[in-house]
């Protein structure tokens, strides 16, 4: 009976951990969407709310870290459960950084909203949509322990890179046409870069899902090859 009780308590702890990670993921997805809406709709009060809402993301990061430490201290997780917990510790860091990037976008939006628009926003919202989808897919892969979904995230990161480069080159052209465009174009470049980095963090999550399920670390393959060959 005590063993059964302990098993149920452990399962409840792991379920609580997953739920907290999903809640944090949902909040950072919302921050991405709201920061872009603040830019497109020229809504500076919304941008300010994004900045303030990041405090809740930071709170969840601390809470999840504490949950992981408590499980490790009180339980004796098997190898697969131990990989889940270490994966959660990695994922929470990426989610917190995504929240920070959404805040950076909101801050740029506030600045851009003080000046006339440089150009219609077309590709940048599309980049934001792709980044947000990548975050959602990576978290779905984590919840379902689905390596195939995680690998899809890794493959689709290239789409963000291509679109980011297109935006960068277009904005560079605006800067070369007229020096008056430099400040606004630079701010938009930073926003595009932040979105591209959000995609990178989604791939980090996907890579950790592969590790969680298979026990195989697929990060930095070139670095590992160099180490092996030496």
Protein backbone atom coordinates (compact mmCIF):
# COMPACT_ATOMS: atom_id res chain seq x y z
CA UNK A 1 0.00 0.00 0.00
CA UNK A 2 2.71 2.59 0.83
CA UNK A 3 4.44 1.81 -2.47
CA UNK A 4 1.19 2.32 -4.40
CA UNK A 5 0.59 5.57 -2.59
CA UNK A 6 4.12 6.74 -3.40
CA UNK A 7 3.71 5.82 -7.07
CA UNK A 8 0.48 7.78 -7.30
CA UNK A 9 2.07 10.78 -5.61
CA UNK A 10 4.99 10.62 -8.04
CA UNK A 11 2.65 10.44 -11.02
CA UNK A 12 0.77 13.45 -9.64
CA UNK A 13 4.06 15.35 -9.35
CA UNK A 14 4.97 14.60 -12.97
CA UNK A 15 1.48 15.55 -14.14
CA UNK A 16 1.74 18.82 -12.23
CA UNK A 17 5.12 19.47 -13.84
CA UNK A 18 3.73 18.95 -17.35
CA UNK A 19 0.74 21.18 -16.63
CA UNK A 20 2.93 24.01 -15.36
CA UNK A 21 5.15 23.77 -18.44
CA UNK A 22 2.09 23.91 -20.69
CA UNK A 23 0.76 26.93 -18.79
CA UNK A 24 4.10 28.68 -19.22
CA UNK A 25 4.16 27.74 -22.90
CA UNK A 26 0.66 29.14 -23.43
CA UNK A 27 1.69 32.41 -21.81
CA UNK A 28 4.78 32.88 -23.98
CA UNK A 29 2.73 32.06 -27.09
CA UNK A 30 0.29 34.79 -26.05
CA UNK A 31 3.16 37.22 -25.45
CA UNK A 32 4.45 36.64 -28.99
CA UNK A 33 1.00 37.25 -30.48
CA UNK A 34 0.32 40.33 -28.34
CA UNK A 35 3.73 41.90 -28.98
CA UNK A 36 3.14 41.62 -32.72
CA UNK A 37 -0.39 42.95 -32.43
CA UNK A 38 1.01 45.93 -30.52
CA UNK A 39 3.27 46.58 -33.51
CA UNK A 40 0.75 46.02 -36.30
CA UNK A 41 -2.11 47.88 -34.58
CA UNK A 42 0.25 50.55 -33.21
CA UNK A 43 -1.06 49.75 -29.75
CA UNK A 44 1.53 50.95 -27.26
CA UNK A 45 -0.63 50.23 -24.17
CA UNK A 46 -0.78 46.60 -25.30
CA UNK A 47 3.00 46.60 -25.69
CA UNK A 48 3.29 47.80 -22.11
CA UNK A 49 0.98 45.01 -20.95
CA UNK A 50 3.25 42.48 -22.66
CA UNK A 51 6.21 43.88 -20.77
CA UNK A 52 4.37 43.61 -17.46
CA UNK A 53 2.98 40.12 -18.25
CA UNK A 54 6.50 38.72 -18.53
CA UNK A 55 6.65 38.79 -14.72
CA UNK A 56 4.20 35.88 -14.67
CA UNK A 57 6.44 33.91 -17.05
CA UNK A 58 9.39 34.52 -14.74
CA UNK A 59 7.32 33.41 -11.75
CA UNK A 60 6.42 30.16 -13.51
CA UNK A 61 10.07 29.54 -14.35
CA UNK A 62 10.99 29.70 -10.67
CA UNK A 63 8.02 27.54 -9.71
CA UNK A 64 8.87 24.85 -12.26
CA UNK A 65 12.52 24.83 -11.20
CA UNK A 66 11.41 24.33 -7.60
CA UNK A 67 9.04 21.52 -8.63
CA UNK A 68 11.86 19.71 -10.45
CA UNK A 69 14.23 20.07 -7.51
CA UNK A 70 11.57 18.79 -5.12
CA UNK A 71 10.88 15.72 -7.27
CA UNK A 72 14.59 14.94 -7.53
CA UNK A 73 15.06 15.35 -3.78
CA UNK A 74 12.04 13.32 -2.64
CA UNK A 75 11.71 10.68 -5.36
CA UNK A 76 14.03 8.23 -7.01
CA UNK A 77 12.99 8.58 -10.65
CA UNK A 78 13.75 5.86 -13.17
CA UNK A 79 15.92 6.75 -16.16
CA UNK A 80 13.00 7.75 -18.39
CA UNK A 81 11.43 9.92 -15.68
CA UNK A 82 14.80 11.43 -14.90
CA UNK A 83 15.15 12.43 -18.57
CA UNK A 84 11.69 14.01 -18.40
CA UNK A 85 12.71 16.11 -15.39
CA UNK A 86 16.03 17.20 -16.90
CA UNK A 87 14.20 18.00 -20.14
CA UNK A 88 11.74 20.16 -18.20
CA UNK A 89 14.63 22.07 -16.61
CA UNK A 90 16.02 22.79 -20.09
CA UNK A 91 12.68 23.64 -21.68
CA UNK A 92 11.74 26.12 -18.96
CA UNK A 93 14.90 28.10 -19.71
CA UNK A 94 14.03 28.31 -23.40
CA UNK A 95 10.47 29.37 -22.62
CA UNK A 96 11.70 32.11 -20.28
CA UNK A 97 13.99 33.42 -23.00
CA UNK A 98 11.14 33.38 -25.52
CA UNK A 99 9.22 35.56 -23.08
CA UNK A 100 12.16 37.94 -22.90
CA UNK A 101 12.29 38.13 -26.71
CA UNK A 102 8.56 38.94 -26.83
CA UNK A 103 9.25 41.77 -24.37
CA UNK A 104 12.05 43.03 -26.62
CA UNK A 105 9.61 43.07 -29.54
CA UNK A 106 7.06 44.99 -27.46
CA UNK A 107 9.71 47.56 -26.51
CA UNK A 108 10.65 48.02 -30.18
CA UNK A 109 6.97 48.33 -31.05
CA UNK A 110 6.54 51.17 -28.57
CA UNK A 111 9.42 53.00 -30.21
CA UNK A 112 8.16 52.39 -33.76
CA UNK A 113 4.64 53.49 -32.84
CA UNK A 114 6.01 56.99 -32.20
CA UNK A 115 6.91 57.40 -35.90
CA UNK A 116 5.07 56.89 -39.22
CA UNK A 117 5.18 53.28 -40.48
CA UNK A 118 8.16 52.52 -42.69
CA UNK A 119 6.22 50.02 -44.78
CA UNK A 120 3.15 47.77 -44.60
CA UNK A 121 3.74 44.81 -42.32
CA UNK A 122 3.46 41.63 -44.39
CA UNK A 123 6.44 39.33 -43.96
CA UNK A 124 7.13 40.19 -40.31
CA UNK A 125 3.69 39.03 -39.10
CA UNK A 126 4.17 35.88 -41.16
CA UNK A 127 7.52 35.29 -39.47
CA UNK A 128 5.85 35.78 -36.09
CA UNK A 129 3.14 33.30 -37.02
CA UNK A 130 5.73 30.70 -38.03
CA UNK A 131 7.69 31.25 -34.80
CA UNK A 132 4.56 30.91 -32.69
CA UNK A 133 3.59 27.72 -34.53
CA UNK A 134 7.05 26.27 -33.93
CA UNK A 135 6.76 26.91 -30.19
CA UNK A 136 3.33 25.28 -30.08
CA UNK A 137 4.44 22.24 -32.11
CA UNK A 138 7.52 21.76 -29.92
CA UNK A 139 5.42 21.83 -26.76
CA UNK A 140 2.88 19.45 -28.31
CA UNK A 141 5.77 17.09 -29.07
CA UNK A 142 6.85 17.31 -25.44
CA UNK A 143 3.38 16.59 -24.06
CA UNK A 144 2.82 13.62 -26.39
CA UNK A 145 6.46 12.43 -26.25
CA UNK A 146 6.32 12.41 -30.05
CA UNK A 147 9.73 12.32 -31.74
CA UNK A 148 8.19 12.64 -35.21
CA UNK A 149 6.57 15.95 -34.22
CA UNK A 150 9.84 17.14 -32.72
CA UNK A 151 11.72 16.28 -35.91
CA UNK A 152 9.15 18.25 -37.92
CA UNK A 153 9.97 21.31 -35.82
CA UNK A 154 13.67 20.83 -36.56
CA UNK A 155 13.05 20.58 -40.29
CA UNK A 156 10.71 23.57 -40.46
CA UNK A 157 13.15 25.93 -38.74
CA UNK A 158 14.67 26.50 -42.17
CA UNK A 159 11.47 28.29 -43.26
CA UNK A 160 12.00 30.91 -40.55
CA UNK A 161 15.64 31.39 -41.53
CA UNK A 162 14.73 31.95 -45.19
CA UNK A 163 11.97 34.43 -44.36
CA UNK A 164 14.20 36.26 -41.88
CA UNK A 165 16.89 36.69 -44.53
CA UNK A 166 14.29 38.04 -46.98
CA UNK A 167 13.10 40.60 -44.42
CA UNK A 168 16.66 41.57 -43.53
CA UNK A 169 17.62 42.20 -47.17
CA UNK A 170 14.46 44.20 -47.83
CA UNK A 171 15.04 46.42 -44.81
CA UNK A 172 18.66 46.87 -45.78
CA UNK A 173 17.42 48.19 -49.12
CA UNK A 174 15.22 50.74 -47.34
CA UNK A 175 18.22 51.91 -45.32
CA UNK A 176 20.32 52.34 -48.44
CA UNK A 177 17.57 54.29 -50.22
CA UNK A 178 17.21 56.94 -47.54
CA UNK A 179 19.17 57.53 -44.33
CA UNK A 180 15.94 58.72 -42.70
CA UNK A 181 14.78 55.10 -42.79
CA UNK A 182 17.71 53.74 -40.81
CA UNK A 183 16.27 54.00 -37.30
CA UNK A 184 12.92 52.42 -38.17
CA UNK A 185 14.48 49.77 -40.42
CA UNK A 186 16.99 48.86 -37.72
CA UNK A 187 14.19 48.44 -35.16
CA UNK A 188 12.32 46.16 -37.57
CA UNK A 189 15.50 44.18 -38.18
CA UNK A 190 15.80 43.60 -34.45
CA UNK A 191 12.17 42.44 -34.30
CA UNK A 192 12.75 40.00 -37.15
CA UNK A 193 15.88 38.72 -35.43
CA UNK A 194 14.00 38.24 -32.16
CA UNK A 195 11.38 36.18 -34.01
CA UNK A 196 14.07 34.10 -35.69
CA UNK A 197 15.63 33.48 -32.26
CA UNK A 198 12.24 32.38 -30.91
CA UNK A 199 12.30 29.75 -33.65
CA UNK A 200 15.75 28.66 -32.48
CA UNK A 201 14.47 28.21 -28.94
CA UNK A 202 11.61 26.09 -30.29
CA UNK A 203 14.17 23.84 -31.98
CA UNK A 204 16.00 23.57 -28.64
CA UNK A 205 12.78 22.30 -27.09
CA UNK A 206 12.32 19.83 -29.95
CA UNK A 207 15.86 18.53 -29.54
CA UNK A 208 15.24 17.96 -25.85
CA UNK A 209 12.09 16.00 -26.68
CA UNK A 210 14.20 13.64 -28.79
CA UNK A 211 16.56 13.24 -25.84
CA UNK A 212 13.67 12.66 -23.43
CA UNK A 213 12.16 9.90 -25.55
CA UNK A 214 15.22 8.22 -27.03
CA UNK A 215 17.94 9.14 -24.57
CA UNK A 216 19.97 10.50 -27.49
CA UNK A 217 21.43 14.02 -27.38
CA UNK A 218 21.24 15.44 -30.92
CA UNK A 219 22.43 18.95 -30.02
CA UNK A 220 25.63 20.33 -31.57
CA UNK A 221 26.44 17.30 -33.74
CA UNK A 222 29.45 19.01 -35.31
CA UNK A 223 30.99 19.68 -31.89
CA UNK A 224 30.55 16.05 -30.88
CA UNK A 225 32.10 14.85 -34.16
CA UNK A 226 35.13 17.03 -33.55
CA UNK A 227 35.47 15.67 -30.03
CA UNK A 228 35.14 12.09 -31.26
CA UNK A 229 37.67 12.53 -34.06
CA UNK A 230 40.23 14.05 -31.72
